[in-house]
Amino acid sequence: LILVENVGNLVCPAEFDLGVDGRVMLLSVTEGDDKPRKYPLMFMQSRLLVLNKIDLLPHVDFDVARASGEARELNPDIEIIELSCRTGEGFENWLWWLDRFRKTNGGA
């Protein structure tokens, strides 16, 4: 399993073929819920949306339903996992998704 991390904005990784088998969009709730409309191509090409830092939801202006709904309008097949690396909430779902993806895409 090789993970390729984007080091720029959300436009660059969607516009270039990096030879990946699948794309995962990692969106921190601290970045705002407007990203699906602002960077639609990345959400349209991603298989999974990971909403990260959900432990901060009580402290930020982020509407999970809005972000999830707009992501699904752009890509009805996108899966969504809510995750907090600090508390571990949702981490099992992330590991399960990675394992399932690996197994269904030719991995051992």
PDB file of N, CA and C in Angstrom:
ATOM      1  N   LEU A   1       0.860  -1.170   0.000  1.00  0.00           N
ATOM      2  CA  LEU A   1       0.000   0.000   0.000  1.00  0.00           C
ATOM      3  C   LEU A   1       0.898   1.222   0.000  1.00  0.00           C
ATOM      4  N   ILE A   2       0.732   2.060  -0.991  1.00  0.00           N
ATOM      5  CA  ILE A   2       1.493   3.309  -1.080  1.00  0.00           C
ATOM      6  C   ILE A   2       0.496   4.459  -1.066  1.00  0.00           C
ATOM      7  N   LEU A   3       0.697   5.401  -0.168  1.00  0.00           N
ATOM      8  CA  LEU A   3      -0.154   6.580  -0.088  1.00  0.00           C
ATOM      9  C   LEU A   3       0.611   7.768  -0.650  1.00  0.00           C
ATOM     10  N   VAL A   4      -0.028   8.509  -1.544  1.00  0.00           N
ATOM     11  CA  VAL A   4       0.565   9.702  -2.137  1.00  0.00           C
ATOM     12  C   VAL A   4      -0.177  10.897  -1.574  1.00  0.00           C
ATOM     13  N   GLU A   5       0.532  11.742  -0.859  1.00  0.00           N
ATOM     14  CA  GLU A   5      -0.091  12.900  -0.232  1.00  0.00           C
ATOM     15  C   GLU A   5       0.038  14.126  -1.116  1.00  0.00           C
ATOM     16  N   ASN A   6      -1.034  14.862  -1.222  1.00  0.00           N
ATOM     17  CA  ASN A   6      -1.015  16.130  -1.940  1.00  0.00           C
ATOM     18  C   ASN A   6      -0.261  17.160  -1.115  1.00  0.00           C
ATOM     19  N   VAL A   7       0.549  17.944  -1.761  1.00  0.00           N
ATOM     20  CA  VAL A   7       1.297  18.974  -1.041  1.00  0.00           C
ATOM     21  C   VAL A   7       0.889  20.379  -1.473  1.00  0.00           C
ATOM     22  N   GLY A   8      -0.121  20.477  -2.321  1.00  0.00           N
ATOM     23  CA  GLY A   8      -0.580  21.776  -2.788  1.00  0.00           C
ATOM     24  C   GLY A   8      -2.023  21.993  -2.402  1.00  0.00           C
ATOM     25  N   ASN A   9      -2.729  22.707  -3.254  1.00  0.00           N
ATOM     26  CA  ASN A   9      -4.151  22.923  -3.001  1.00  0.00           C
ATOM     27  C   ASN A   9      -4.945  21.734  -3.537  1.00  0.00           C
ATOM     28  N   LEU A  10      -6.243  21.801  -3.461  1.00  0.00           N
ATOM     29  CA  LEU A  10      -7.080  20.672  -3.859  1.00  0.00           C
ATOM     30  C   LEU A  10      -7.308  20.584  -5.358  1.00  0.00           C
ATOM     31  N   VAL A  11      -6.742  21.502  -6.131  1.00  0.00           N
ATOM     32  CA  VAL A  11      -6.875  21.447  -7.574  1.00  0.00           C
ATOM     33  C   VAL A  11      -5.818  20.519  -8.160  1.00  0.00           C
ATOM     34  N   CYS A  12      -4.587  20.660  -7.722  1.00  0.00           N
ATOM     35  CA  CYS A  12      -3.458  19.920  -8.307  1.00  0.00           C
ATOM     36  C   CYS A  12      -3.635  18.414  -8.329  1.00  0.00           C
ATOM     37  N   PRO A  13      -4.001  17.756  -7.232  1.00  0.00           N
ATOM     38  CA  PRO A  13      -4.046  16.293  -7.274  1.00  0.00           C
ATOM     39  C   PRO A  13      -5.155  15.751  -8.167  1.00  0.00           C
ATOM     40  N   ALA A  14      -6.166  16.541  -8.430  1.00  0.00           N
ATOM     41  CA  ALA A  14      -7.269  16.076  -9.258  1.00  0.00           C
ATOM     42  C   ALA A  14      -6.961  16.229 -10.745  1.00  0.00           C
ATOM     43  N   GLU A  15      -6.101  17.156 -11.091  1.00  0.00           N
ATOM     44  CA  GLU A  15      -5.843  17.448 -12.498  1.00  0.00           C
ATOM     45  C   GLU A  15      -4.734  16.613 -13.113  1.00  0.00           C
ATOM     46  N   PHE A  16      -3.941  15.922 -12.288  1.00  0.00           N
ATOM     47  CA  PHE A  16      -2.814  15.164 -12.804  1.00  0.00           C
ATOM     48  C   PHE A  16      -2.984  13.682 -12.490  1.00  0.00           C
ATOM     49  N   ASP A  17      -2.681  12.845 -13.482  1.00  0.00           N
ATOM     50  CA  ASP A  17      -2.731  11.402 -13.282  1.00  0.00           C
ATOM     51  C   ASP A  17      -1.446  10.965 -12.594  1.00  0.00           C
ATOM     52  N   LEU A  18      -1.570  10.520 -11.369  1.00  0.00           N
ATOM     53  CA  LEU A  18      -0.420  10.071 -10.600  1.00  0.00           C
ATOM     54  C   LEU A  18      -0.292   8.552 -10.596  1.00  0.00           C
ATOM     55  N   GLY A  19      -1.151   7.875 -11.359  1.00  0.00           N
ATOM     56  CA  GLY A  19      -1.093   6.423 -11.445  1.00  0.00           C
ATOM     57  C   GLY A  19      -1.661   5.709 -10.241  1.00  0.00           C
ATOM     58  N   VAL A  20      -2.523   6.362  -9.498  1.00  0.00           N
ATOM     59  CA  VAL A  20      -3.091   5.749  -8.294  1.00  0.00           C
ATOM     60  C   VAL A  20      -4.289   4.871  -8.657  1.00  0.00           C
ATOM     61  N   ASP A  21      -4.585   3.918  -7.782  1.00  0.00           N
ATOM     62  CA  ASP A  21      -5.746   3.051  -7.969  1.00  0.00           C
ATOM     63  C   ASP A  21      -7.025   3.678  -7.424  1.00  0.00           C
ATOM     64  N   GLY A  22      -6.889   4.632  -6.542  1.00  0.00           N
ATOM     65  CA  GLY A  22      -8.052   5.285  -5.964  1.00  0.00           C
ATOM     66  C   GLY A  22      -7.646   6.535  -5.218  1.00  0.00           C
ATOM     67  N   ARG A  23      -8.568   7.456  -5.103  1.00  0.00           N
ATOM     68  CA  ARG A  23      -8.296   8.714  -4.401  1.00  0.00           C
ATOM     69  C   ARG A  23      -9.155   8.804  -3.141  1.00  0.00           C
ATOM     70  N   VAL A  24      -8.532   9.325  -2.101  1.00  0.00           N
ATOM     71  CA  VAL A  24      -9.213   9.587  -0.837  1.00  0.00           C
ATOM     72  C   VAL A  24      -9.053  11.072  -0.555  1.00  0.00           C
ATOM     73  N   MET A  25     -10.152  11.726  -0.277  1.00  0.00           N
ATOM     74  CA  MET A  25     -10.133  13.142   0.057  1.00  0.00           C
ATOM     75  C   MET A  25     -10.164  13.276   1.576  1.00  0.00           C
ATOM     76  N   LEU A  26      -9.148  13.885   2.129  1.00  0.00           N
ATOM     77  CA  LEU A  26      -9.072  14.123   3.570  1.00  0.00           C
ATOM     78  C   LEU A  26      -9.406  15.583   3.811  1.00  0.00           C
ATOM     79  N   LEU A  27     -10.489  15.835   4.517  1.00  0.00           N
ATOM     80  CA  LEU A  27     -10.940  17.197   4.783  1.00  0.00           C
ATOM     81  C   LEU A  27     -11.043  17.417   6.282  1.00  0.00           C
ATOM     82  N   SER A  28     -10.240  18.326   6.772  1.00  0.00           N
ATOM     83  CA  SER A  28     -10.294  18.685   8.188  1.00  0.00           C
ATOM     84  C   SER A  28     -11.467  19.634   8.409  1.00  0.00           C
ATOM     85  N   VAL A  29     -12.189  19.430   9.501  1.00  0.00           N
ATOM     86  CA  VAL A  29     -13.323  20.307   9.782  1.00  0.00           C
ATOM     87  C   VAL A  29     -12.873  21.743  10.056  1.00  0.00           C
ATOM     88  N   THR A  30     -11.597  21.927  10.324  1.00  0.00           N
ATOM     89  CA  THR A  30     -11.086  23.289  10.553  1.00  0.00           C
ATOM     90  C   THR A  30     -10.917  24.054   9.246  1.00  0.00           C
ATOM     91  N   GLU A  31     -11.007  23.370   8.107  1.00  0.00           N
ATOM     92  CA  GLU A  31     -10.828  24.015   6.804  1.00  0.00           C
ATOM     93  C   GLU A  31     -12.120  24.589   6.238  1.00  0.00           C
ATOM     94  N   GLY A  32     -13.251  24.212   6.786  1.00  0.00           N
ATOM     95  CA  GLY A  32     -14.524  24.739   6.309  1.00  0.00           C
ATOM     96  C   GLY A  32     -15.297  23.742   5.473  1.00  0.00           C
ATOM     97  N   ASP A  33     -16.628  23.875   5.520  1.00  0.00           N
ATOM     98  CA  ASP A  33     -17.506  22.936   4.832  1.00  0.00           C
ATOM     99  C   ASP A  33     -17.802  23.341   3.388  1.00  0.00           C
ATOM    100  N   ASP A  34     -17.127  24.375   2.894  1.00  0.00           N
ATOM    101  CA  ASP A  34     -17.363  24.865   1.541  1.00  0.00           C
ATOM    102  C   ASP A  34     -16.500  24.174   0.486  1.00  0.00           C
ATOM    103  N   LYS A  35     -15.636  23.273   0.870  1.00  0.00           N
ATOM    104  CA  LYS A  35     -14.658  22.691  -0.054  1.00  0.00           C
ATOM    105  C   LYS A  35     -15.252  21.852  -1.191  1.00  0.00           C
ATOM    106  N   PRO A  36     -16.341  21.098  -0.994  1.00  0.00           N
ATOM    107  CA  PRO A  36     -16.866  20.351  -2.149  1.00  0.00           C
ATOM    108  C   PRO A  36     -17.237  21.256  -3.324  1.00  0.00           C
ATOM    109  N   ARG A  37     -17.847  22.376  -3.066  1.00  0.00           N
ATOM    110  CA  ARG A  37     -18.221  23.301  -4.149  1.00  0.00           C
ATOM    111  C   ARG A  37     -17.010  24.069  -4.679  1.00  0.00           C
ATOM    112  N   LYS A  38     -16.045  24.317  -3.824  1.00  0.00           N
ATOM    113  CA  LYS A  38     -14.866  25.086  -4.220  1.00  0.00           C
ATOM    114  C   LYS A  38     -13.909  24.253  -5.078  1.00  0.00           C
ATOM    115  N   TYR A  39     -13.807  22.945  -4.786  1.00  0.00           N
ATOM    116  CA  TYR A  39     -12.904  22.035  -5.501  1.00  0.00           C
ATOM    117  C   TYR A  39     -13.665  20.798  -5.975  1.00  0.00           C
ATOM    118  N   PRO A  40     -14.651  20.957  -6.843  1.00  0.00           N
ATOM    119  CA  PRO A  40     -15.525  19.832  -7.186  1.00  0.00           C
ATOM    120  C   PRO A  40     -14.816  18.641  -7.828  1.00  0.00           C
ATOM    121  N   LEU A  41     -13.796  18.883  -8.638  1.00  0.00           N
ATOM    122  CA  LEU A  41     -13.150  17.783  -9.341  1.00  0.00           C
ATOM    123  C   LEU A  41     -12.548  16.760  -8.375  1.00  0.00           C
ATOM    124  N   MET A  42     -11.935  17.227  -7.307  1.00  0.00           N
ATOM    125  CA  MET A  42     -11.331  16.307  -6.339  1.00  0.00           C
ATOM    126  C   MET A  42     -12.389  15.432  -5.671  1.00  0.00           C
ATOM    127  N   PHE A  43     -13.520  16.024  -5.364  1.00  0.00           N
ATOM    128  CA  PHE A  43     -14.590  15.256  -4.728  1.00  0.00           C
ATOM    129  C   PHE A  43     -15.237  14.302  -5.727  1.00  0.00           C
ATOM    130  N   MET A  44     -15.328  14.715  -6.990  1.00  0.00           N
ATOM    131  CA  MET A  44     -15.907  13.853  -8.016  1.00  0.00           C
ATOM    132  C   MET A  44     -15.023  12.639  -8.274  1.00  0.00           C
ATOM    133  N   GLN A  45     -13.717  12.765  -8.117  1.00  0.00           N
ATOM    134  CA  GLN A  45     -12.794  11.678  -8.407  1.00  0.00           C
ATOM    135  C   GLN A  45     -12.466  10.799  -7.201  1.00  0.00           C
ATOM    136  N   SER A  46     -12.850  11.205  -6.029  1.00  0.00           N
ATOM    137  CA  SER A  46     -12.483  10.461  -4.822  1.00  0.00           C
ATOM    138  C   SER A  46     -13.465   9.337  -4.535  1.00  0.00           C
ATOM    139  N   ARG A  47     -12.942   8.251  -4.021  1.00  0.00           N
ATOM    140  CA  ARG A  47     -13.777   7.129  -3.599  1.00  0.00           C
ATOM    141  C   ARG A  47     -14.252   7.298  -2.164  1.00  0.00           C
ATOM    142  N   LEU A  48     -13.459   8.033  -1.388  1.00  0.00           N
ATOM    143  CA  LEU A  48     -13.750   8.189   0.034  1.00  0.00           C
ATOM    144  C   LEU A  48     -13.473   9.615   0.458  1.00  0.00           C
ATOM    145  N   LEU A  49     -14.339  10.142   1.302  1.00  0.00           N
ATOM    146  CA  LEU A  49     -14.130  11.426   1.962  1.00  0.00           C
ATOM    147  C   LEU A  49     -13.947  11.141   3.444  1.00  0.00           C
ATOM    148  N   VAL A  50     -12.790  11.519   3.963  1.00  0.00           N
ATOM    149  CA  VAL A  50     -12.530  11.392   5.393  1.00  0.00           C
ATOM    150  C   VAL A  50     -12.674  12.778   6.002  1.00  0.00           C
ATOM    151  N   LEU A  51     -13.670  12.941   6.859  1.00  0.00           N
ATOM    152  CA  LEU A  51     -13.838  14.186   7.609  1.00  0.00           C
ATOM    153  C   LEU A  51     -13.034  14.034   8.886  1.00  0.00           C
ATOM    154  N   ASN A  52     -11.917  14.746   8.958  1.00  0.00           N
ATOM    155  CA  ASN A  52     -10.973  14.591  10.054  1.00  0.00           C
ATOM    156  C   ASN A  52     -11.134  15.705  11.088  1.00  0.00           C
ATOM    157  N   LYS A  53     -10.632  15.443  12.264  1.00  0.00           N
ATOM    158  CA  LYS A  53     -10.659  16.361  13.406  1.00  0.00           C
ATOM    159  C   LYS A  53     -12.080  16.619  13.901  1.00  0.00           C
ATOM    160  N   ILE A  54     -12.914  15.574  13.836  1.00  0.00           N
ATOM    161  CA  ILE A  54     -14.307  15.761  14.254  1.00  0.00           C
ATOM    162  C   ILE A  54     -14.440  16.074  15.734  1.00  0.00           C
ATOM    163  N   ASP A  55     -13.389  15.821  16.502  1.00  0.00           N
ATOM    164  CA  ASP A  55     -13.430  16.189  17.918  1.00  0.00           C
ATOM    165  C   ASP A  55     -13.493  17.710  18.087  1.00  0.00           C
ATOM    166  N   LEU A  56     -13.158  18.461  17.033  1.00  0.00           N
ATOM    167  CA  LEU A  56     -13.200  19.929  17.094  1.00  0.00           C
ATOM    168  C   LEU A  56     -14.535  20.522  16.638  1.00  0.00           C
ATOM    169  N   LEU A  57     -15.465  19.679  16.227  1.00  0.00           N
ATOM    170  CA  LEU A  57     -16.751  20.182  15.725  1.00  0.00           C
ATOM    171  C   LEU A  57     -17.456  21.155  16.672  1.00  0.00           C
ATOM    172  N   PRO A  58     -17.426  20.938  18.000  1.00  0.00           N
ATOM    173  CA  PRO A  58     -18.096  21.898  18.880  1.00  0.00           C
ATOM    174  C   PRO A  58     -17.454  23.292  18.868  1.00  0.00           C
ATOM    175  N   HIS A  59     -16.246  23.393  18.313  1.00  0.00           N
ATOM    176  CA  HIS A  59     -15.498  24.640  18.389  1.00  0.00           C
ATOM    177  C   HIS A  59     -15.320  25.349  17.044  1.00  0.00           C
ATOM    178  N   VAL A  60     -15.810  24.740  15.965  1.00  0.00           N
ATOM    179  CA  VAL A  60     -15.643  25.340  14.640  1.00  0.00           C
ATOM    180  C   VAL A  60     -16.986  25.437  13.932  1.00  0.00           C
ATOM    181  N   ASP A  61     -17.022  26.284  12.937  1.00  0.00           N
ATOM    182  CA  ASP A  61     -18.239  26.473  12.148  1.00  0.00           C
ATOM    183  C   ASP A  61     -18.170  25.540  10.935  1.00  0.00           C
ATOM    184  N   PHE A  62     -18.545  24.290  11.139  1.00  0.00           N
ATOM    185  CA  PHE A  62     -18.503  23.276  10.092  1.00  0.00           C
ATOM    186  C   PHE A  62     -19.784  22.477  10.157  1.00  0.00           C
ATOM    187  N   ASP A  63     -20.495  22.418   9.032  1.00  0.00           N
ATOM    188  CA  ASP A  63     -21.751  21.683   8.948  1.00  0.00           C
ATOM    189  C   ASP A  63     -21.487  20.353   8.241  1.00  0.00           C
ATOM    190  N   VAL A  64     -21.445  19.267   9.003  1.00  0.00           N
ATOM    191  CA  VAL A  64     -21.155  17.942   8.453  1.00  0.00           C
ATOM    192  C   VAL A  64     -22.183  17.570   7.391  1.00  0.00           C
ATOM    193  N   ALA A  65     -23.451  17.837   7.649  1.00  0.00           N
ATOM    194  CA  ALA A  65     -24.503  17.489   6.691  1.00  0.00           C
ATOM    195  C   ALA A  65     -24.328  18.259   5.386  1.00  0.00           C
ATOM    196  N   ARG A  66     -23.952  19.511   5.469  1.00  0.00           N
ATOM    197  CA  ARG A  66     -23.742  20.320   4.260  1.00  0.00           C
ATOM    198  C   ARG A  66     -22.575  19.773   3.446  1.00  0.00           C
ATOM    199  N   ALA A  67     -21.430  19.563   4.091  1.00  0.00           N
ATOM    200  CA  ALA A  67     -20.249  19.067   3.384  1.00  0.00           C
ATOM    201  C   ALA A  67     -20.509  17.684   2.796  1.00  0.00           C
ATOM    202  N   SER A  68     -21.116  16.802   3.564  1.00  0.00           N
ATOM    203  CA  SER A  68     -21.411  15.452   3.092  1.00  0.00           C
ATOM    204  C   SER A  68     -22.418  15.484   1.943  1.00  0.00           C
ATOM    205  N   GLY A  69     -23.452  16.294   2.100  1.00  0.00           N
ATOM    206  CA  GLY A  69     -24.482  16.401   1.067  1.00  0.00           C
ATOM    207  C   GLY A  69     -23.938  16.942  -0.243  1.00  0.00           C
ATOM    208  N   GLU A  70     -23.104  17.973  -0.161  1.00  0.00           N
ATOM    209  CA  GLU A  70     -22.529  18.548  -1.374  1.00  0.00           C
ATOM    210  C   GLU A  70     -21.538  17.585  -2.018  1.00  0.00           C
ATOM    211  N   ALA A  71     -20.797  16.842  -1.214  1.00  0.00           N
ATOM    212  CA  ALA A  71     -19.881  15.835  -1.757  1.00  0.00           C
ATOM    213  C   ALA A  71     -20.673  14.757  -2.499  1.00  0.00           C
ATOM    214  N   ARG A  72     -21.793  14.338  -1.929  1.00  0.00           N
ATOM    215  CA  ARG A  72     -22.610  13.296  -2.564  1.00  0.00           C
ATOM    216  C   ARG A  72     -23.364  13.820  -3.783  1.00  0.00           C
ATOM    217  N   GLU A  73     -23.654  15.107  -3.826  1.00  0.00           N
ATOM    218  CA  GLU A  73     -24.243  15.678  -5.044  1.00  0.00           C
ATOM    219  C   GLU A  73     -23.244  15.597  -6.194  1.00  0.00           C
ATOM    220  N   LEU A  74     -21.981  15.825  -5.889  1.00  0.00           N
ATOM    221  CA  LEU A  74     -20.929  15.762  -6.905  1.00  0.00           C
ATOM    222  C   LEU A  74     -20.559  14.325  -7.252  1.00  0.00           C
ATOM    223  N   ASN A  75     -20.654  13.437  -6.264  1.00  0.00           N
ATOM    224  CA  ASN A  75     -20.239  12.046  -6.441  1.00  0.00           C
ATOM    225  C   ASN A  75     -21.145  11.160  -5.583  1.00  0.00           C
ATOM    226  N   PRO A  76     -22.233  10.672  -6.143  1.00  0.00           N
ATOM    227  CA  PRO A  76     -23.177   9.857  -5.362  1.00  0.00           C
ATOM    228  C   PRO A  76     -22.572   8.587  -4.768  1.00  0.00           C
ATOM    229  N   ASP A  77     -21.457   8.118  -5.323  1.00  0.00           N
ATOM    230  CA  ASP A  77     -20.842   6.882  -4.840  1.00  0.00           C
ATOM    231  C   ASP A  77     -19.779   7.097  -3.772  1.00  0.00           C
ATOM    232  N   ILE A  78     -19.477   8.338  -3.436  1.00  0.00           N
ATOM    233  CA  ILE A  78     -18.413   8.602  -2.463  1.00  0.00           C
ATOM    234  C   ILE A  78     -18.826   8.068  -1.086  1.00  0.00           C
ATOM    235  N   GLU A  79     -17.901   7.389  -0.455  1.00  0.00           N
ATOM    236  CA  GLU A  79     -18.128   6.942   0.918  1.00  0.00           C
ATOM    237  C   GLU A  79     -17.583   8.020   1.851  1.00  0.00           C
ATOM    238  N   ILE A  80     -18.137   8.116   3.045  1.00  0.00           N
ATOM    239  CA  ILE A  80     -17.722   9.154   3.988  1.00  0.00           C
ATOM    240  C   ILE A  80     -17.463   8.530   5.349  1.00  0.00           C
ATOM    241  N   ILE A  81     -16.308   8.867   5.903  1.00  0.00           N
ATOM    242  CA  ILE A  81     -15.939   8.419   7.245  1.00  0.00           C
ATOM    243  C   ILE A  81     -15.628   9.651   8.076  1.00  0.00           C
ATOM    244  N   GLU A  82     -16.193   9.716   9.265  1.00  0.00           N
ATOM    245  CA  GLU A  82     -15.857  10.783  10.210  1.00  0.00           C
ATOM    246  C   GLU A  82     -14.789  10.240  11.142  1.00  0.00           C
ATOM    247  N   LEU A  83     -13.726  11.021  11.351  1.00  0.00           N
ATOM    248  CA  LEU A  83     -12.549  10.510  12.038  1.00  0.00           C
ATOM    249  C   LEU A  83     -11.946  11.567  12.958  1.00  0.00           C
ATOM    250  N   SER A  84     -11.459  11.110  14.076  1.00  0.00           N
ATOM    251  CA  SER A  84     -10.652  11.951  14.959  1.00  0.00           C
ATOM    252  C   SER A  84      -9.380  11.192  15.294  1.00  0.00           C
ATOM    253  N   CYS A  85      -8.269  11.686  14.801  1.00  0.00           N
ATOM    254  CA  CYS A  85      -6.990  11.036  15.129  1.00  0.00           C
ATOM    255  C   CYS A  85      -6.647  11.234  16.605  1.00  0.00           C
ATOM    256  N   ARG A  86      -7.142  12.315  17.191  1.00  0.00           N
ATOM    257  CA  ARG A  86      -6.845  12.585  18.604  1.00  0.00           C
ATOM    258  C   ARG A  86      -7.568  11.618  19.525  1.00  0.00           C
ATOM    259  N   THR A  87      -8.861  11.375  19.258  1.00  0.00           N
ATOM    260  CA  THR A  87      -9.630  10.489  20.134  1.00  0.00           C
ATOM    261  C   THR A  87      -9.683   9.048  19.623  1.00  0.00           C
ATOM    262  N   GLY A  88      -9.398   8.861  18.348  1.00  0.00           N
ATOM    263  CA  GLY A  88      -9.481   7.535  17.749  1.00  0.00           C
ATOM    264  C   GLY A  88     -10.851   7.207  17.182  1.00  0.00           C
ATOM    265  N   GLU A  89     -11.825   8.076  17.386  1.00  0.00           N
ATOM    266  CA  GLU A  89     -13.171   7.836  16.868  1.00  0.00           C
ATOM    267  C   GLU A  89     -13.120   7.704  15.345  1.00  0.00           C
ATOM    268  N   GLY A  90     -13.705   6.652  14.827  1.00  0.00           N
ATOM    269  CA  GLY A  90     -13.758   6.420  13.398  1.00  0.00           C
ATOM    270  C   GLY A  90     -12.521   5.774  12.805  1.00  0.00           C
ATOM    271  N   PHE A  91     -11.473   5.598  13.598  1.00  0.00           N
ATOM    272  CA  PHE A  91     -10.226   5.056  13.072  1.00  0.00           C
ATOM    273  C   PHE A  91     -10.380   3.614  12.598  1.00  0.00           C
ATOM    274  N   GLU A  92     -11.181   2.816  13.303  1.00  0.00           N
ATOM    275  CA  GLU A  92     -11.427   1.436  12.865  1.00  0.00           C
ATOM    276  C   GLU A  92     -12.103   1.415  11.500  1.00  0.00           C
ATOM    277  N   ASN A  93     -13.014   2.357  11.262  1.00  0.00           N
ATOM    278  CA  ASN A  93     -13.682   2.442   9.960  1.00  0.00           C
ATOM    279  C   ASN A  93     -12.677   2.751   8.854  1.00  0.00           C
ATOM    280  N   TRP A  94     -11.725   3.630   9.135  1.00  0.00           N
ATOM    281  CA  TRP A  94     -10.686   3.988   8.178  1.00  0.00           C
ATOM    282  C   TRP A  94      -9.812   2.774   7.858  1.00  0.00           C
ATOM    283  N   LEU A  95      -9.399   2.032   8.870  1.00  0.00           N
ATOM    284  CA  LEU A  95      -8.575   0.833   8.646  1.00  0.00           C
ATOM    285  C   LEU A  95      -9.358  -0.234   7.887  1.00  0.00           C
ATOM    286  N   TRP A  96     -10.629  -0.403   8.222  1.00  0.00           N
ATOM    287  CA  TRP A  96     -11.478  -1.361   7.525  1.00  0.00           C
ATOM    288  C   TRP A  96     -11.604  -0.974   6.057  1.00  0.00           C
ATOM    289  N   TRP A  97     -11.815   0.322   5.778  1.00  0.00           N
ATOM    290  CA  TRP A  97     -11.954   0.787   4.403  1.00  0.00           C
ATOM    291  C   TRP A  97     -10.668   0.516   3.618  1.00  0.00           C
ATOM    292  N   LEU A  98      -9.513   0.832   4.196  1.00  0.00           N
ATOM    293  CA  LEU A  98      -8.231   0.590   3.532  1.00  0.00           C
ATOM    294  C   LEU A  98      -8.036  -0.897   3.219  1.00  0.00           C
ATOM    295  N   ASP A  99      -8.359  -1.751   4.174  1.00  0.00           N
ATOM    296  CA  ASP A  99      -8.203  -3.188   3.979  1.00  0.00           C
ATOM    297  C   ASP A  99      -9.138  -3.680   2.878  1.00  0.00           C
ATOM    298  N   ARG A 100     -10.373  -3.237   2.904  1.00  0.00           N
ATOM    299  CA  ARG A 100     -11.343  -3.634   1.864  1.00  0.00           C
ATOM    300  C   ARG A 100     -10.896  -3.137   0.498  1.00  0.00           C
ATOM    301  N   PHE A 101     -10.428  -1.901   0.421  1.00  0.00           N
ATOM    302  CA  PHE A 101      -9.963  -1.342  -0.840  1.00  0.00           C
ATOM    303  C   PHE A 101      -8.777  -2.148  -1.380  1.00  0.00           C
ATOM    304  N   ARG A 102      -7.850  -2.465  -0.509  1.00  0.00           N
ATOM    305  CA  ARG A 102      -6.668  -3.244  -0.908  1.00  0.00           C
ATOM    306  C   ARG A 102      -7.090  -4.610  -1.454  1.00  0.00           C
ATOM    307  N   LYS A 103      -7.997  -5.256  -0.784  1.00  0.00           N
ATOM    308  CA  LYS A 103      -8.427  -6.597  -1.196  1.00  0.00           C
ATOM    309  C   LYS A 103      -9.210  -6.579  -2.509  1.00  0.00           C
ATOM    310  N   THR A 104      -9.972  -5.534  -2.749  1.00  0.00           N
ATOM    311  CA  THR A 104     -10.786  -5.473  -3.967  1.00  0.00           C
ATOM    312  C   THR A 104     -10.042  -4.854  -5.149  1.00  0.00           C
ATOM    313  N   ASN A 105      -8.810  -4.409  -4.918  1.00  0.00           N
ATOM    314  CA  ASN A 105      -8.027  -3.792  -5.991  1.00  0.00           C
ATOM    315  C   ASN A 105      -6.713  -4.528  -6.229  1.00  0.00           C
ATOM    316  N   GLY A 106      -6.732  -5.831  -6.041  1.00  0.00           N
ATOM    317  CA  GLY A 106      -5.585  -6.659  -6.394  1.00  0.00           C
ATOM    318  C   GLY A 106      -4.549  -6.854  -5.326  1.00  0.00           C
ATOM    319  N   GLY A 107      -4.765  -6.340  -4.120  1.00  0.00           N
ATOM    320  CA  GLY A 107      -3.793  -6.528  -3.047  1.00  0.00           C
ATOM    321  C   GLY A 107      -3.960  -7.882  -2.378  1.00  0.00           C
ATOM    322  N   ALA A 108      -2.951  -8.285  -1.683  1.00  0.00           N
ATOM    323  CA  ALA A 108      -2.988  -9.583  -0.996  1.00  0.00           C
ATOM    324  C   ALA A 108      -3.718  -9.477   0.329  1.00  0.00           C
TER     325      ALA A 108
END
